[in-house]
């Protein structure tokens, strides 16, 4: 069976696109809402998100922990933030290889921001049967696409809850249209 190579979902947040971007483009804060990420360490000078910024993400799933090396590929304030994951390891990301691309898009919608999170499987050189077998072991029975679809939904719901509860001055309360799916 061919793999699903990309999944995405969206949510509406009562906050300006620039404010949501500011939060999501800081990889050290991702652990606040991600079900697996536990934060990150930016390598080099931390001066805000920029194309080429490199960071190491700390992750945990059950008792399994790993670190990834990531490079920012898009940093357009209020519009788009993306990074590619290109190395992985238990304590240090020593094993290089194309792993995944994560992207966040921000769109103003009637005083809200539609945040769309997309995961793309960059393991293009893996045969489907090998990737599917690995995925089912790593995710306890699922493909990464199925697994990431649930992680994205959880991340977006937590992001909405945290940002709207923080009550930043960028929040606009004009009636909550709720959660949207993509």
Protein backbone atom coordinates (compact mmCIF):
# COMPACT_ATOMS: atom_id res chain seq x y z
CA UNK A 1 0.00 0.00 0.00
CA UNK A 2 1.47 3.41 -0.93
CA UNK A 3 2.22 5.76 1.91
CA UNK A 4 0.40 8.98 2.66
CA UNK A 5 3.26 11.46 2.45
CA UNK A 6 1.61 14.54 3.94
CA UNK A 7 -1.16 15.38 6.42
CA UNK A 8 -2.46 18.68 7.74
CA UNK A 9 -5.17 20.21 9.87
CA UNK A 10 -6.28 23.73 10.83
CA UNK A 11 -7.77 25.61 13.75
CA UNK A 12 -9.03 29.15 14.35
CA UNK A 13 -7.42 31.16 17.15
CA UNK A 14 -8.66 34.50 18.53
CA UNK A 15 -5.34 36.22 18.00
CA UNK A 16 -3.62 38.18 15.25
CA UNK A 17 -1.49 36.18 12.77
CA UNK A 18 1.68 38.02 13.84
CA UNK A 19 1.12 37.04 17.49
CA UNK A 20 0.48 33.37 16.68
CA UNK A 21 3.53 33.35 14.41
CA UNK A 22 5.68 34.80 17.21
CA UNK A 23 4.74 31.87 19.47
CA UNK A 24 5.01 29.08 16.89
CA UNK A 25 8.26 30.30 15.36
CA UNK A 26 10.10 29.85 18.67
CA UNK A 27 11.16 26.19 18.71
CA UNK A 28 12.11 26.43 22.40
CA UNK A 29 8.40 26.92 23.22
CA UNK A 30 6.98 24.05 21.14
CA UNK A 31 6.87 21.76 24.18
CA UNK A 32 4.05 23.91 25.57
CA UNK A 33 1.55 22.38 23.15
CA UNK A 34 3.12 19.42 21.33
CA UNK A 35 2.28 15.90 22.57
CA UNK A 36 5.84 14.70 21.80
CA UNK A 37 8.18 17.68 21.71
CA UNK A 38 9.77 18.75 24.98
CA UNK A 39 11.34 21.96 23.69
CA UNK A 40 14.47 22.74 21.74
CA UNK A 41 17.91 24.24 21.92
CA UNK A 42 18.74 26.78 19.25
CA UNK A 43 22.29 26.41 17.95
CA UNK A 44 24.19 29.63 17.40
CA UNK A 45 22.82 33.06 18.15
CA UNK A 46 19.12 33.06 19.11
CA UNK A 47 17.79 36.22 17.49
CA UNK A 48 14.36 35.15 16.40
CA UNK A 49 13.32 32.77 13.67
CA UNK A 50 15.18 33.12 10.40
CA UNK A 51 15.84 30.94 7.38
CA UNK A 52 18.88 28.82 8.15
CA UNK A 53 18.38 28.83 11.94
CA UNK A 54 19.34 25.41 13.31
CA UNK A 55 17.90 23.84 16.43
CA UNK A 56 17.86 20.50 18.20
CA UNK A 57 14.42 19.32 19.28
CA UNK A 58 13.97 17.09 22.33
CA UNK A 59 11.18 14.55 21.94
CA UNK A 60 9.50 11.83 23.97
CA UNK A 61 6.94 9.13 23.13
CA UNK A 62 6.20 6.83 26.06
CA UNK A 63 9.57 5.82 27.50
CA UNK A 64 11.38 6.45 24.20
CA UNK A 65 13.35 9.72 23.93
CA UNK A 66 15.17 11.15 20.94
CA UNK A 67 16.71 14.35 19.62
CA UNK A 68 16.36 15.78 16.12
CA UNK A 69 18.37 18.36 14.22
CA UNK A 70 16.23 20.83 12.33
CA UNK A 71 16.81 23.78 10.02
CA UNK A 72 14.30 26.58 9.44
CA UNK A 73 13.32 26.78 5.76
CA UNK A 74 10.69 29.55 5.94
CA UNK A 75 10.28 32.41 8.42
CA UNK A 76 7.73 34.86 7.04
CA UNK A 77 6.23 36.71 10.05
CA UNK A 78 2.47 36.33 10.27
CA UNK A 79 2.38 34.10 7.18
CA UNK A 80 4.53 30.96 7.30
CA UNK A 81 7.05 29.11 9.45
CA UNK A 82 8.64 25.82 8.33
CA UNK A 83 11.56 23.61 9.18
CA UNK A 84 13.05 20.36 7.95
CA UNK A 85 14.15 17.54 10.22
CA UNK A 86 17.40 16.13 8.87
CA UNK A 87 19.14 14.19 11.64
CA UNK A 88 18.05 12.04 14.58
CA UNK A 89 19.59 10.25 17.52
CA UNK A 90 18.94 9.13 21.07
CA UNK A 91 20.87 11.88 22.86
CA UNK A 92 22.42 13.72 19.95
CA UNK A 93 21.12 13.86 16.39
CA UNK A 94 24.03 11.94 14.83
CA UNK A 95 22.20 9.95 12.14
CA UNK A 96 21.71 12.24 9.11
CA UNK A 97 18.92 11.81 6.58
CA UNK A 98 15.79 13.38 5.17
CA UNK A 99 13.12 12.75 7.82
CA UNK A 100 10.28 15.27 7.71
CA UNK A 101 9.15 18.79 6.93
CA UNK A 102 6.90 20.70 9.34
CA UNK A 103 5.05 23.80 8.16
CA UNK A 104 2.74 26.30 9.82
CA UNK A 105 0.66 28.77 7.78
CA UNK A 106 -1.22 31.73 9.24
CA UNK A 107 -4.26 33.28 7.58
CA UNK A 108 -6.42 36.12 8.88
CA UNK A 109 -10.11 35.13 8.92
CA UNK A 110 -12.69 37.60 10.28
CA UNK A 111 -10.59 38.73 13.24
CA UNK A 112 -9.16 35.27 13.90
CA UNK A 113 -6.12 33.41 12.62
CA UNK A 114 -6.45 30.12 10.83
CA UNK A 115 -3.35 28.13 11.73
CA UNK A 116 -2.64 25.21 9.41
CA UNK A 117 -0.04 22.68 10.50
CA UNK A 118 1.36 20.28 7.91
CA UNK A 119 3.68 17.29 8.29
CA UNK A 120 5.40 15.89 5.20
CA UNK A 121 7.28 12.59 5.21
CA UNK A 122 10.69 13.24 3.62
CA UNK A 123 11.76 9.60 3.76
CA UNK A 124 11.26 9.36 -0.02
CA UNK A 125 14.12 6.91 -0.54
CA UNK A 126 12.55 4.33 1.82
CA UNK A 127 10.51 1.63 0.07
CA UNK A 128 6.88 1.80 1.21
CA UNK A 129 6.91 -1.66 2.81
CA UNK A 130 10.02 -0.78 4.87
CA UNK A 131 8.60 2.58 5.96
CA UNK A 132 5.22 1.05 6.85
CA UNK A 133 6.86 -1.71 8.91
CA UNK A 134 9.11 0.77 10.73
CA UNK A 135 6.19 3.15 11.33
CA UNK A 136 4.01 0.45 12.88
CA UNK A 137 6.76 -0.47 15.34
CA UNK A 138 7.62 3.17 16.17
CA UNK A 139 3.98 4.24 16.63
CA UNK A 140 2.57 1.03 18.12
CA UNK A 141 0.54 -0.05 15.11
CA UNK A 142 -0.02 3.05 12.98
CA UNK A 143 1.53 4.64 9.93
CA UNK A 144 3.29 7.94 10.60
CA UNK A 145 0.60 9.74 8.60
CA UNK A 146 -2.14 8.36 10.89
CA UNK A 147 -0.04 9.05 13.96
CA UNK A 148 0.87 12.60 12.92
CA UNK A 149 -2.73 13.43 12.04
CA UNK A 150 -3.64 12.87 15.72
CA UNK A 151 -0.53 14.71 16.96
CA UNK A 152 -1.33 17.71 14.77
CA UNK A 153 -4.91 17.87 16.08
CA UNK A 154 -3.65 17.70 19.68
CA UNK A 155 -0.99 20.35 19.03
CA UNK A 156 -3.47 22.76 17.45
CA UNK A 157 -6.04 22.31 20.21
CA UNK A 158 -3.40 22.88 22.92
CA UNK A 159 -2.00 25.89 21.04
CA UNK A 160 -5.46 27.46 20.86
CA UNK A 161 -6.11 26.81 24.56
CA UNK A 162 -2.74 28.19 25.68
CA UNK A 163 -2.74 31.29 23.48
CA UNK A 164 -6.35 32.23 24.14
CA UNK A 165 -5.91 31.66 27.90
CA UNK A 166 -2.75 33.77 27.98
CA UNK A 167 -4.96 36.74 27.10
CA UNK A 168 -2.30 38.57 25.09
CA UNK A 169 -3.21 42.03 23.84
CA UNK A 170 -3.40 40.60 20.32
CA UNK A 171 -6.45 38.50 21.21
CA UNK A 172 -9.60 39.65 19.46
CA UNK A 173 -12.86 38.49 20.99
CA UNK A 174 -15.61 38.80 18.37
CA UNK A 175 -17.35 35.49 19.00
CA UNK A 176 -15.57 32.17 18.75
CA UNK A 177 -16.34 30.18 15.61
CA UNK A 178 -14.68 27.20 17.24
CA UNK A 179 -12.37 24.62 15.77
CA UNK A 180 -12.06 24.23 12.03
CA UNK A 181 -10.71 21.24 10.17
CA UNK A 182 -8.78 21.16 6.94
